[in-house]
Amino acid sequence: ISTGGGASMELLEGKVLPGLAALTEK
């Protein structure tokens, strides 16, 4: 769980969240 779920969360936090934040700001 820590390997698969952790990797998925890291990808989401590293790519998706910053992308959404940039879109919401503009």
PDB file of N, CA and C in Angstrom:
ATOM      1  N   ILE A   1       0.846  -1.203   0.000  1.00  0.00           N
ATOM      2  CA  ILE A   1       0.000   0.000   0.000  1.00  0.00           C
ATOM      3  C   ILE A   1       0.881   1.252   0.000  1.00  0.00           C
ATOM      4  N   SER A   2       1.922   1.246   0.834  1.00  0.00           N
ATOM      5  CA  SER A   2       2.775   2.432   0.963  1.00  0.00           C
ATOM      6  C   SER A   2       3.504   2.723  -0.350  1.00  0.00           C
ATOM      7  N   THR A   3       3.845   1.677  -1.101  1.00  0.00           N
ATOM      8  CA  THR A   3       4.592   1.881  -2.343  1.00  0.00           C
ATOM      9  C   THR A   3       3.672   2.395  -3.448  1.00  0.00           C
ATOM     10  N   GLY A   4       2.588   1.685  -3.718  1.00  0.00           N
ATOM     11  CA  GLY A   4       1.683   2.077  -4.799  1.00  0.00           C
ATOM     12  C   GLY A   4       0.941   3.357  -4.459  1.00  0.00           C
ATOM     13  N   GLY A   5       0.271   3.381  -3.300  1.00  0.00           N
ATOM     14  CA  GLY A   5      -0.501   4.559  -2.911  1.00  0.00           C
ATOM     15  C   GLY A   5       0.398   5.764  -2.723  1.00  0.00           C
ATOM     16  N   GLY A   6       1.567   5.553  -2.112  1.00  0.00           N
ATOM     17  CA  GLY A   6       2.488   6.668  -1.875  1.00  0.00           C
ATOM     18  C   GLY A   6       2.961   7.268  -3.183  1.00  0.00           C
ATOM     19  N   ALA A   7       3.293   6.422  -4.164  1.00  0.00           N
ATOM     20  CA  ALA A   7       3.771   6.918  -5.453  1.00  0.00           C
ATOM     21  C   ALA A   7       2.663   7.706  -6.143  1.00  0.00           C
ATOM     22  N   SER A   8       1.433   7.194  -6.079  1.00  0.00           N
ATOM     23  CA  SER A   8       0.307   7.872  -6.723  1.00  0.00           C
ATOM     24  C   SER A   8       0.096   9.237  -6.089  1.00  0.00           C
ATOM     25  N   MET A   9       0.147   9.291  -4.764  1.00  0.00           N
ATOM     26  CA  MET A   9      -0.068  10.560  -4.069  1.00  0.00           C
ATOM     27  C   MET A   9       1.037  11.549  -4.405  1.00  0.00           C
ATOM     28  N   GLU A  10       2.271  11.062  -4.502  1.00  0.00           N
ATOM     29  CA  GLU A  10       3.394  11.953  -4.819  1.00  0.00           C
ATOM     30  C   GLU A  10       3.219  12.541  -6.216  1.00  0.00           C
ATOM     31  N   LEU A  11       2.751  11.712  -7.163  1.00  0.00           N
ATOM     32  CA  LEU A  11       2.549  12.201  -8.525  1.00  0.00           C
ATOM     33  C   LEU A  11       1.427  13.232  -8.544  1.00  0.00           C
ATOM     34  N   LEU A  12       0.348  12.948  -7.805  1.00  0.00           N
ATOM     35  CA  LEU A  12      -0.783  13.877  -7.767  1.00  0.00           C
ATOM     36  C   LEU A  12      -0.364  15.194  -7.126  1.00  0.00           C
ATOM     37  N   GLU A  13       0.343  15.106  -6.009  1.00  0.00           N
ATOM     38  CA  GLU A  13       0.756  16.323  -5.303  1.00  0.00           C
ATOM     39  C   GLU A  13       1.797  17.096  -6.106  1.00  0.00           C
ATOM     40  N   GLY A  14       2.625  16.367  -6.863  1.00  0.00           N
ATOM     41  CA  GLY A  14       3.705  17.012  -7.609  1.00  0.00           C
ATOM     42  C   GLY A  14       3.265  17.597  -8.943  1.00  0.00           C
ATOM     43  N   LYS A  15       2.201  17.030  -9.552  1.00  0.00           N
ATOM     44  CA  LYS A  15       1.809  17.495 -10.881  1.00  0.00           C
ATOM     45  C   LYS A  15       0.384  18.051 -10.898  1.00  0.00           C
ATOM     46  N   VAL A  16      -0.565  17.266 -10.422  1.00  0.00           N
ATOM     47  CA  VAL A  16      -1.975  17.654 -10.527  1.00  0.00           C
ATOM     48  C   VAL A  16      -2.304  18.873  -9.670  1.00  0.00           C
ATOM     49  N   LEU A  17      -1.949  18.821  -8.386  1.00  0.00           N
ATOM     50  CA  LEU A  17      -2.308  19.923  -7.486  1.00  0.00           C
ATOM     51  C   LEU A  17      -1.714  21.262  -7.924  1.00  0.00           C
ATOM     52  N   PRO A  18      -0.419  21.334  -8.244  1.00  0.00           N
ATOM     53  CA  PRO A  18       0.156  22.598  -8.717  1.00  0.00           C
ATOM     54  C   PRO A  18      -0.516  23.081 -10.000  1.00  0.00           C
ATOM     55  N   GLY A  19      -0.876  22.159 -10.863  1.00  0.00           N
ATOM     56  CA  GLY A  19      -1.544  22.523 -12.112  1.00  0.00           C
ATOM     57  C   GLY A  19      -2.906  23.127 -11.837  1.00  0.00           C
ATOM     58  N   LEU A  20      -3.670  22.495 -10.937  1.00  0.00           N
ATOM     59  CA  LEU A  20      -4.991  23.012 -10.581  1.00  0.00           C
ATOM     60  C   LEU A  20      -4.856  24.366  -9.902  1.00  0.00           C
ATOM     61  N   ALA A  21      -3.857  24.526  -9.062  1.00  0.00           N
ATOM     62  CA  ALA A  21      -3.644  25.794  -8.356  1.00  0.00           C
ATOM     63  C   ALA A  21      -3.378  26.906  -9.365  1.00  0.00           C
ATOM     64  N   ALA A  22      -2.568  26.624 -10.379  1.00  0.00           N
ATOM     65  CA  ALA A  22      -2.253  27.624 -11.400  1.00  0.00           C
ATOM     66  C   ALA A  22      -3.515  27.998 -12.172  1.00  0.00           C
ATOM     67  N   LEU A  23      -4.348  27.010 -12.467  1.00  0.00           N
ATOM     68  CA  LEU A  23      -5.581  27.275 -13.213  1.00  0.00           C
ATOM     69  C   LEU A  23      -6.543  28.098 -12.375  1.00  0.00           C
ATOM     70  N   THR A  24      -6.656  27.772 -11.096  1.00  0.00           N
ATOM     71  CA  THR A  24      -7.598  28.484 -10.230  1.00  0.00           C
ATOM     72  C   THR A  24      -7.145  29.927 -10.029  1.00  0.00           C
ATOM     73  N   GLU A  25      -5.841  30.155  -9.976  1.00  0.00           N
ATOM     74  CA  GLU A  25      -5.333  31.517  -9.792  1.00  0.00           C
ATOM     75  C   GLU A  25      -5.669  32.376 -11.007  1.00  0.00           C
ATOM     76  N   LYS A  26      -5.626  31.770 -12.204  1.00  0.00           N
ATOM     77  CA  LYS A  26      -5.926  32.520 -13.421  1.00  0.00           C
ATOM     78  C   LYS A  26      -7.393  32.294 -13.793  1.00  0.00           C
TER      79      LYS A  26
END
